[in-house]
C-alpha atoms as a PDB file:
ATOM      1  CA  UNK A   1      -0.045  -0.057   0.092  1.00  0.00           C
ATOM      2  CA  UNK A   2       1.430   3.362  -0.868  1.00  0.00           C
ATOM      3  CA  UNK A   3       1.808   6.225   1.614  1.00  0.00           C
ATOM      4  CA  UNK A   4      -0.984   8.260   0.097  1.00  0.00           C
ATOM      5  CA  UNK A   5      -3.450   5.514   0.665  1.00  0.00           C
ATOM      6  CA  UNK A   6      -2.308   5.049   4.039  1.00  0.00           C
ATOM      7  CA  UNK A   7      -2.969   8.868   4.831  1.00  0.00           C
ATOM      8  CA  UNK A   8      -6.452   8.425   3.228  1.00  0.00           C
ATOM      9  CA  UNK A   9      -7.203   5.364   5.189  1.00  0.00           C
ATOM     10  CA  UNK A  10      -6.097   7.256   8.421  1.00  0.00           C
ATOM     11  CA  UNK A  11      -8.444  10.326   7.418  1.00  0.00           C
ATOM     12  CA  UNK A  12     -11.283   7.922   6.914  1.00  0.00           C
ATOM     13  CA  UNK A  13     -10.920   6.375  10.177  1.00  0.00           C
ATOM     14  CA  UNK A  14     -10.345   9.728  11.878  1.00  0.00           C
ATOM     15  CA  UNK A  15     -13.669  10.970  10.438  1.00  0.00           C
ATOM     16  CA  UNK A  16     -15.540   7.813  11.209  1.00  0.00           C
ATOM     17  CA  UNK A  17     -14.195   7.246  14.676  1.00  0.00           C
ATOM     18  CA  UNK A  18     -14.327   3.794  16.470  1.00  0.00           C
ATOM     19  CA  UNK A  19     -17.241   2.813  14.248  1.00  0.00           C
ATOM     20  CA  UNK A  20     -15.056   3.054  11.091  1.00  0.00           C
ATOM     21  CA  UNK A  21     -12.433   0.860  12.762  1.00  0.00           C
ATOM     22  CA  UNK A  22     -15.270  -1.699  13.610  1.00  0.00           C
ATOM     23  CA  UNK A  23     -16.553  -1.595  10.166  1.00  0.00           C
ATOM     24  CA  UNK A  24     -13.023  -2.235   8.725  1.00  0.00           C
ATOM     25  CA  UNK A  25     -12.231  -4.931  11.070  1.00  0.00           C
ATOM     26  CA  UNK A  26     -15.810  -6.623  10.326  1.00  0.00           C
ATOM     27  CA  UNK A  27     -15.166  -6.381   6.614  1.00  0.00           C
ATOM     28  CA  UNK A  28     -11.743  -7.926   6.905  1.00  0.00           C
ATOM     29  CA  UNK A  29     -13.157 -10.729   9.379  1.00  0.00           C
ATOM     30  CA  UNK A  30     -15.861 -11.271   6.671  1.00  0.00           C
ATOM     31  CA  UNK A  31     -13.448 -11.551   3.788  1.00  0.00           C
ATOM     32  CA  UNK A  32     -11.217 -13.951   5.608  1.00  0.00           C
ATOM     33  CA  UNK A  33     -14.185 -16.210   6.553  1.00  0.00           C
ATOM     34  CA  UNK A  34     -15.509 -16.184   3.044  1.00  0.00           C
ATOM     35  CA  UNK A  35     -12.095 -17.501   1.824  1.00  0.00           C
ATOM     36  CA  UNK A  36     -12.190 -20.250   4.610  1.00  0.00           C
ATOM     37  CA  UNK A  37     -15.765 -21.101   3.554  1.00  0.00           C
ATOM     38  CA  UNK A  38     -14.734 -21.613   0.016  1.00  0.00           C
ATOM     39  CA  UNK A  39     -11.709 -23.744   0.994  1.00  0.00           C
ATOM     40  CA  UNK A  40     -13.781 -25.831   3.319  1.00  0.00           C
ATOM     41  CA  UNK A  41     -16.588 -26.258   0.545  1.00  0.00           C
ATOM     42  CA  UNK A  42     -13.749 -27.536  -1.934  1.00  0.00           C
ATOM     43  CA  UNK A  43     -12.373 -29.992   0.807  1.00  0.00           C
ATOM     44  CA  UNK A  44     -15.825 -31.187   1.476  1.00  0.00           C
ATOM     45  CA  UNK A  45     -16.440 -31.888  -2.197  1.00  0.00           C
ATOM     46  CA  UNK A  46     -13.211 -33.854  -2.560  1.00  0.00           C
ATOM     47  CA  UNK A  47     -14.180 -35.851   0.537  1.00  0.00           C
ATOM     48  CA  UNK A  48     -17.503 -36.847  -0.947  1.00  0.00           C
ATOM     49  CA  UNK A  49     -15.512 -37.921  -4.226  1.00  0.00           C
ATOM     50  CA  UNK A  50     -13.313 -39.987  -2.115  1.00  0.00           C
ATOM     51  CA  UNK A  51     -16.083 -41.508  -0.121  1.00  0.00           C
ATOM     52  CA  UNK A  52     -17.958 -42.440  -3.245  1.00  0.00           C
ATOM     53  CA  UNK A  53     -15.051 -44.044  -4.740  1.00  0.00           C
ATOM     54  CA  UNK A  54     -14.314 -45.940  -1.646  1.00  0.00           C
ATOM     55  CA  UNK A  55     -17.991 -47.127  -1.484  1.00  0.00           C
ATOM     56  CA  UNK A  56     -17.850 -48.332  -5.019  1.00  0.00           C
ATOM     57  CA  UNK A  57     -14.546 -50.285  -4.485  1.00  0.00           C
ATOM     58  CA  UNK A  58     -15.993 -51.976  -1.155  1.00  0.00           C
ATOM     59  CA  UNK A  59     -19.207 -52.850  -3.233  1.00  0.00           C
ATOM     60  CA  UNK A  60     -16.958 -54.551  -6.022  1.00  0.00           C
ATOM     61  CA  UNK A  61     -14.982 -56.353  -3.403  1.00  0.00           C
ATOM     62  CA  UNK A  62     -18.116 -57.567  -1.536  1.00  0.00           C
ATOM     63  CA  UNK A  63     -19.534 -58.913  -5.011  1.00  0.00           C
ATOM     64  CA  UNK A  64     -16.472 -60.804  -5.595  1.00  0.00           C
ATOM     65  CA  UNK A  65     -16.401 -62.346  -2.201  1.00  0.00           C
ATOM     66  CA  UNK A  66     -20.046 -63.482  -2.660  1.00  0.00           C
ATOM     67  CA  UNK A  67     -19.099 -64.794  -6.057  1.00  0.00           C
ATOM     68  CA  UNK A  68     -15.990 -66.754  -4.451  1.00  0.00           C
ATOM     69  CA  UNK A  69     -18.392 -68.179  -1.728  1.00  0.00           C
ATOM     70  CA  UNK A  70     -20.750 -69.408  -4.245  1.00  0.00           C
ATOM     71  CA  UNK A  71     -18.091 -70.985  -6.326  1.00  0.00           C
ATOM     72  CA  UNK A  72     -16.424 -72.683  -3.235  1.00  0.00           C
ATOM     73  CA  UNK A  73     -20.063 -73.938  -2.351  1.00  0.00           C
ATOM     74  CA  UNK A  74     -20.599 -75.241  -5.765  1.00  0.00           C
ATOM     75  CA  UNK A  75     -17.320 -77.166  -5.634  1.00  0.00           C
ATOM     76  CA  UNK A  76     -18.201 -78.770  -2.240  1.00  0.00           C
ATOM     77  CA  UNK A  77     -21.594 -79.858  -3.468  1.00  0.00           C
ATOM     78  CA  UNK A  78     -19.871 -81.932  -6.368  1.00  0.00           C
END
């Protein structure tokens, strides 16, 4: 930030008093939370994708185990 920007910022805070400072801090807090919310949403989507892939893999393994059990039972019956 350039020095004239800081001077303008200081003038605005001086003119608005503590309410201006509260507004600026509130805005900064809101921006930080907005960024964190976006990151958490992306992480949630990734976790959902991983859970879906894991569920599909478990279903396939379960189907293979059932098929193996059936094949073993057929061998014992003969």
